Amino acid sequence: MFEELVLPCYGTRLEKEVMPALRAAFFRKELEPLAELVRELALPDKKLQASIEEDYLAVRNHVLHGQVDYKGDGPLPEHWKQYIDRETNYFDLRHPKWTMDAEKMLIDLTVRAAVREGWEPRIQPTSPTRDGLVEHLLELKEKEPVAAPLIDKFLEGMPEWLQHNNAFTGGYLREDEVAALLEILEREKPRLLKELKTAPILSGWIAKLDEAQTAGIGLSWTVL
C-alpha cells in the first residue's frame, strides 16, 4: 500500500519558466531558455545545484544528439506501444531516457529546490482511517465541484510526455492556486466535515494548504 507525500513546489516557476523552457528545448531545439535558468541559479544546496547542471547537460545531449520521439497524446502515446493485437495491448514501459531526464530536471528545479526545513510531508488524519489523500481528493471533487479543476491539476497536472513508469507521479498547484483552494475548503469546512466519508483527512489537508500559503510556495505530491 502506498502513502502519499505532499511536498513544497515552486509551482509558478514550473508552469511559467521550467515547462516552457523544456518544451522549447525538446520540441523546437531551442536550448537557451533552459540554459539561462541554470545560469541564474544560486542554490545554497551545492549538491543540488551540481545535480541540476548535470540534468541540463543530459537534456542538451538528447536535444543535440538524441532522438526525441514524442508524437502522440495521452499517458502512453501510440508510438510507445510495443505490441498490439486483438486481445491485449502490451506497452513498452521502458520509456525513452530523454523523458526521464526531462522529468528529473523539472523535479530538481521546482520540487527539490523548494525543500523546507521541518516540512512534514504526510497528512495526519484526525482519527484512524484507511483512506488516503487521493481518496479524499476524489471525494472532495464530488462534494465541492468548484474545487474540482484545482484538485484535478494537483492529481494529474504533469504533461503526458513526462509520465513514464518511474515518474514522480503527482501534479502541482501554483502558489495562487494553493490560496484559491484553501479559501474554498475553509469556507465549506463545516459542511464537508459532516458530508465526507474521508472527513478525518480534511483538517490535515487544509492545514497543509495553509502552511504552503504562509510559506509562499506551491505544492506537489508523490508516493512512498
Protein backbone atom coordinates (compact mmCIF):
# COMPACT_ATOMS: atom_id res chain seq x y z
CA MET A 1 0.00 0.00 0.00
CA PHE A 2 1.45 3.36 -0.99
CA GLU A 3 1.49 6.53 1.09
CA GLU A 4 1.05 9.97 -0.41
CA LEU A 5 3.62 12.64 0.41
CA VAL A 6 2.77 16.33 -0.10
CA LEU A 7 5.81 18.43 -0.99
CA PRO A 8 6.69 22.10 -1.44
CA CYS A 9 6.92 23.12 -5.07
CA TYR A 10 7.72 26.30 -6.96
CA GLY A 11 4.52 25.89 -8.94
CA THR A 12 4.64 29.23 -10.73
CA ARG A 13 8.25 28.63 -11.77
CA LEU A 14 7.31 25.16 -13.01
CA GLU A 15 4.44 26.45 -15.13
CA LYS A 16 5.78 29.79 -16.32
CA GLU A 17 9.51 29.11 -16.69
CA VAL A 18 10.67 25.49 -16.46
CA MET A 19 7.99 23.78 -18.53
CA PRO A 20 8.14 26.32 -21.39
CA ALA A 21 11.94 26.04 -21.42
CA LEU A 22 11.81 22.24 -21.56
CA ARG A 23 9.23 22.34 -24.34
CA ALA A 24 11.37 24.80 -26.29
CA ALA A 25 14.40 22.55 -25.89
CA PHE A 26 12.81 19.23 -26.82
CA PHE A 27 10.24 20.27 -29.38
CA ARG A 28 11.91 23.31 -31.04
CA LYS A 29 15.57 22.57 -30.27
CA GLU A 30 15.94 25.93 -28.51
CA LEU A 31 18.27 25.37 -25.56
CA GLU A 32 18.93 28.95 -24.49
CA PRO A 33 15.85 29.42 -22.23
CA LEU A 34 16.81 26.31 -20.26
CA ALA A 35 20.48 27.26 -20.16
CA GLU A 36 19.53 30.69 -18.82
CA LEU A 37 17.52 29.13 -15.98
CA VAL A 38 20.57 27.09 -14.96
CA ARG A 39 22.97 30.04 -15.23
CA GLU A 40 20.78 32.14 -12.94
CA LEU A 41 20.67 29.52 -10.17
CA ALA A 42 22.33 30.31 -6.86
CA LEU A 43 21.16 27.50 -4.60
CA PRO A 44 22.54 27.10 -1.07
CA ASP A 45 22.50 23.33 -1.65
CA LYS A 46 25.58 22.94 -3.83
CA LYS A 47 24.94 19.24 -4.43
CA LEU A 48 21.51 20.04 -5.83
CA GLN A 49 23.00 22.83 -7.94
CA ALA A 50 25.54 20.39 -9.37
CA SER A 51 22.78 17.85 -9.99
CA ILE A 52 20.75 20.43 -11.95
CA GLU A 53 23.80 21.32 -14.03
CA GLU A 54 24.20 17.61 -14.83
CA ASP A 55 20.49 17.44 -15.68
CA TYR A 56 20.97 20.24 -18.18
CA LEU A 57 23.91 18.51 -19.85
CA ALA A 58 21.82 15.33 -20.19
CA VAL A 59 18.93 17.28 -21.73
CA ARG A 60 21.31 19.16 -24.04
CA ASN A 61 22.80 15.88 -25.22
CA HIS A 62 19.35 14.48 -26.04
CA VAL A 63 18.42 17.61 -27.99
CA LEU A 64 21.67 17.83 -29.95
CA HIS A 65 22.48 14.16 -30.46
CA GLY A 66 19.46 12.06 -29.49
CA GLN A 67 16.02 11.24 -30.80
CA VAL A 68 13.03 12.98 -29.27
CA ASP A 69 10.22 10.74 -30.48
CA TYR A 70 7.09 12.13 -28.81
CA LYS A 71 4.27 12.41 -31.34
CA GLY A 72 1.09 11.32 -29.58
CA ASP A 73 -1.39 12.23 -26.89
CA GLY A 74 -2.18 10.54 -23.60
CA PRO A 75 -0.01 8.92 -20.95
CA LEU A 76 1.10 6.13 -23.31
CA PRO A 77 1.39 7.61 -26.82
CA GLU A 78 0.69 5.32 -29.75
CA HIS A 79 4.28 5.08 -30.92
CA TRP A 80 5.47 3.87 -27.49
CA LYS A 81 3.33 0.73 -27.70
CA GLN A 82 5.46 -2.34 -28.23
CA TYR A 83 2.93 -4.99 -29.25
CA ILE A 84 -0.74 -4.69 -30.22
CA ASP A 85 -3.19 -7.48 -31.11
CA ARG A 86 -6.91 -8.06 -30.82
CA GLU A 87 -6.86 -9.34 -27.26
CA THR A 88 -4.13 -7.44 -25.46
CA ASN A 89 -2.13 -4.25 -25.53
CA TYR A 90 1.41 -4.66 -24.30
CA PHE A 91 3.07 -1.34 -23.61
CA ASP A 92 6.79 -0.73 -23.70
CA LEU A 93 7.27 0.74 -20.23
CA ARG A 94 10.94 1.44 -20.90
CA HIS A 95 10.02 4.96 -21.89
CA PRO A 96 12.74 6.98 -23.61
CA LYS A 97 15.55 8.23 -21.39
CA TRP A 98 15.00 11.79 -22.64
CA THR A 99 11.60 11.69 -20.92
CA MET A 100 13.13 10.56 -17.63
CA ASP A 101 15.94 13.12 -17.78
CA ALA A 102 13.46 15.90 -18.56
CA GLU A 103 11.32 14.95 -15.57
CA LYS A 104 14.35 14.77 -13.27
CA MET A 105 15.40 18.27 -14.26
CA LEU A 106 11.89 19.61 -13.69
CA ILE A 107 11.67 17.99 -10.24
CA ASP A 108 15.15 19.19 -9.24
CA LEU A 109 14.35 22.78 -10.28
CA THR A 110 10.88 23.02 -8.79
CA VAL A 111 10.40 20.43 -6.03
CA ARG A 112 13.80 19.59 -4.58
CA ALA A 113 14.82 23.25 -4.78
CA ALA A 114 11.72 24.18 -2.74
CA VAL A 115 12.50 21.90 0.23
CA ARG A 116 11.68 23.48 3.59
CA GLU A 117 13.34 22.53 6.88
CA GLY A 118 10.81 20.95 9.22
CA TRP A 119 8.26 20.25 6.49
CA GLU A 120 6.12 17.18 7.31
CA PRO A 121 5.05 15.60 4.01
CA ARG A 122 2.38 13.32 5.45
CA ILE A 123 -1.19 14.44 6.03
CA GLN A 124 -2.19 13.50 9.56
CA PRO A 125 -5.85 12.40 9.91
CA THR A 126 -7.82 13.47 12.97
CA SER A 127 -8.94 9.87 13.57
CA PRO A 128 -7.92 6.44 12.26
CA THR A 129 -8.88 5.87 8.62
CA ARG A 130 -7.91 3.55 5.81
CA ASP A 131 -8.44 6.27 3.23
CA GLY A 132 -5.52 8.21 1.83
CA LEU A 133 -5.16 11.68 0.38
CA VAL A 134 -6.06 10.58 -3.15
CA GLU A 135 -9.35 9.04 -1.99
CA HIS A 136 -10.05 12.21 -0.03
CA LEU A 137 -9.40 14.47 -3.01
CA LEU A 138 -11.56 12.37 -5.31
CA GLU A 139 -14.42 12.60 -2.82
CA LEU A 140 -13.85 16.34 -2.42
CA LYS A 141 -14.34 16.74 -6.18
CA GLU A 142 -17.81 15.23 -5.88
CA LYS A 143 -18.87 17.22 -2.81
CA GLU A 144 -17.31 20.54 -3.87
CA PRO A 145 -17.37 20.77 -7.70
CA VAL A 146 -15.97 24.31 -7.72
CA ALA A 147 -12.71 22.85 -6.38
CA ALA A 148 -12.57 20.08 -9.00
CA PRO A 149 -10.31 21.85 -11.56
CA LEU A 150 -7.70 22.60 -8.90
CA ILE A 151 -7.88 19.08 -7.50
CA ASP A 152 -7.53 17.57 -10.98
CA LYS A 153 -4.46 19.71 -11.64
CA PHE A 154 -2.91 18.67 -8.32
CA LEU A 155 -3.55 14.99 -9.03
CA GLU A 156 -2.56 14.83 -12.69
CA GLY A 157 -1.08 18.14 -13.76
CA MET A 158 2.18 16.92 -15.29
CA PRO A 159 2.13 16.66 -19.11
CA GLU A 160 1.78 13.21 -20.64
CA TRP A 161 5.29 13.14 -22.10
CA LEU A 162 6.73 13.19 -18.56
CA GLN A 163 4.58 10.29 -17.33
CA HIS A 164 6.86 7.27 -17.59
CA ASN A 165 6.79 4.13 -15.47
CA ASN A 166 9.10 5.53 -12.76
CA ALA A 167 7.61 9.01 -12.85
CA PHE A 168 7.35 11.34 -9.86
CA THR A 169 3.56 10.74 -10.07
CA GLY A 170 1.90 13.93 -8.88
CA GLY A 171 0.66 17.11 -10.43
CA TYR A 172 1.12 20.50 -8.82
CA LEU A 173 -0.52 23.76 -7.76
CA ARG A 174 0.87 27.24 -8.27
CA GLU A 175 1.16 29.48 -5.24
CA ASP A 176 -2.02 31.39 -6.14
CA GLU A 177 -3.89 28.12 -6.72
CA VAL A 178 -2.93 26.92 -3.23
CA ALA A 179 -4.54 30.09 -1.85
CA ALA A 180 -7.65 29.62 -4.01
CA LEU A 181 -8.19 26.01 -2.93
CA LEU A 182 -7.57 26.90 0.71
CA GLU A 183 -10.21 29.63 0.55
CA ILE A 184 -12.81 27.22 -0.88
CA LEU A 185 -12.16 24.48 1.67
CA GLU A 186 -12.02 26.77 4.69
CA ARG A 187 -15.34 28.31 3.68
CA GLU A 188 -17.03 24.93 3.23
CA LYS A 189 -15.25 23.04 6.03
CA PRO A 190 -18.23 22.76 8.46
CA ARG A 191 -20.42 21.20 5.77
CA LEU A 192 -17.68 18.99 4.37
CA LEU A 193 -16.81 17.57 7.80
CA LYS A 194 -20.39 16.30 8.02
CA GLU A 195 -20.70 15.00 4.46
CA LEU A 196 -17.33 13.45 3.65
CA LYS A 197 -16.61 9.78 4.27
CA THR A 198 -12.95 10.82 4.29
CA ALA A 199 -13.60 13.72 6.71
CA PRO A 200 -10.72 12.73 9.08
CA ILE A 201 -8.26 13.87 6.38
CA LEU A 202 -9.83 17.27 5.67
CA SER A 203 -8.34 19.25 8.56
CA GLY A 204 -4.83 17.95 7.87
CA TRP A 205 -5.15 18.79 4.17
CA ILE A 206 -6.40 22.29 4.95
CA ALA A 207 -3.52 22.74 7.41
CA LYS A 208 -1.02 21.72 4.71
CA LEU A 209 -2.52 24.21 2.26
CA ASP A 210 -2.35 26.90 4.93
CA GLU A 211 1.29 26.05 5.67
CA ALA A 212 2.14 26.34 1.98
CA GLN A 213 0.32 29.65 1.65
CA THR A 214 2.14 31.05 4.68
CA ALA A 215 5.48 29.98 3.19
CA GLY A 216 4.56 31.45 -0.21
CA ILE A 217 5.05 28.18 -2.10
CA GLY A 218 3.04 25.86 -4.28
CA LEU A 219 2.53 22.14 -3.73
CA SER A 220 3.18 18.86 -5.47
CA TRP A 221 2.99 15.23 -4.33
CA THR A 222 4.46 11.80 -4.80
CA VAL A 223 4.13 8.37 -3.23
CA LEU A 224 6.34 6.37 -0.90
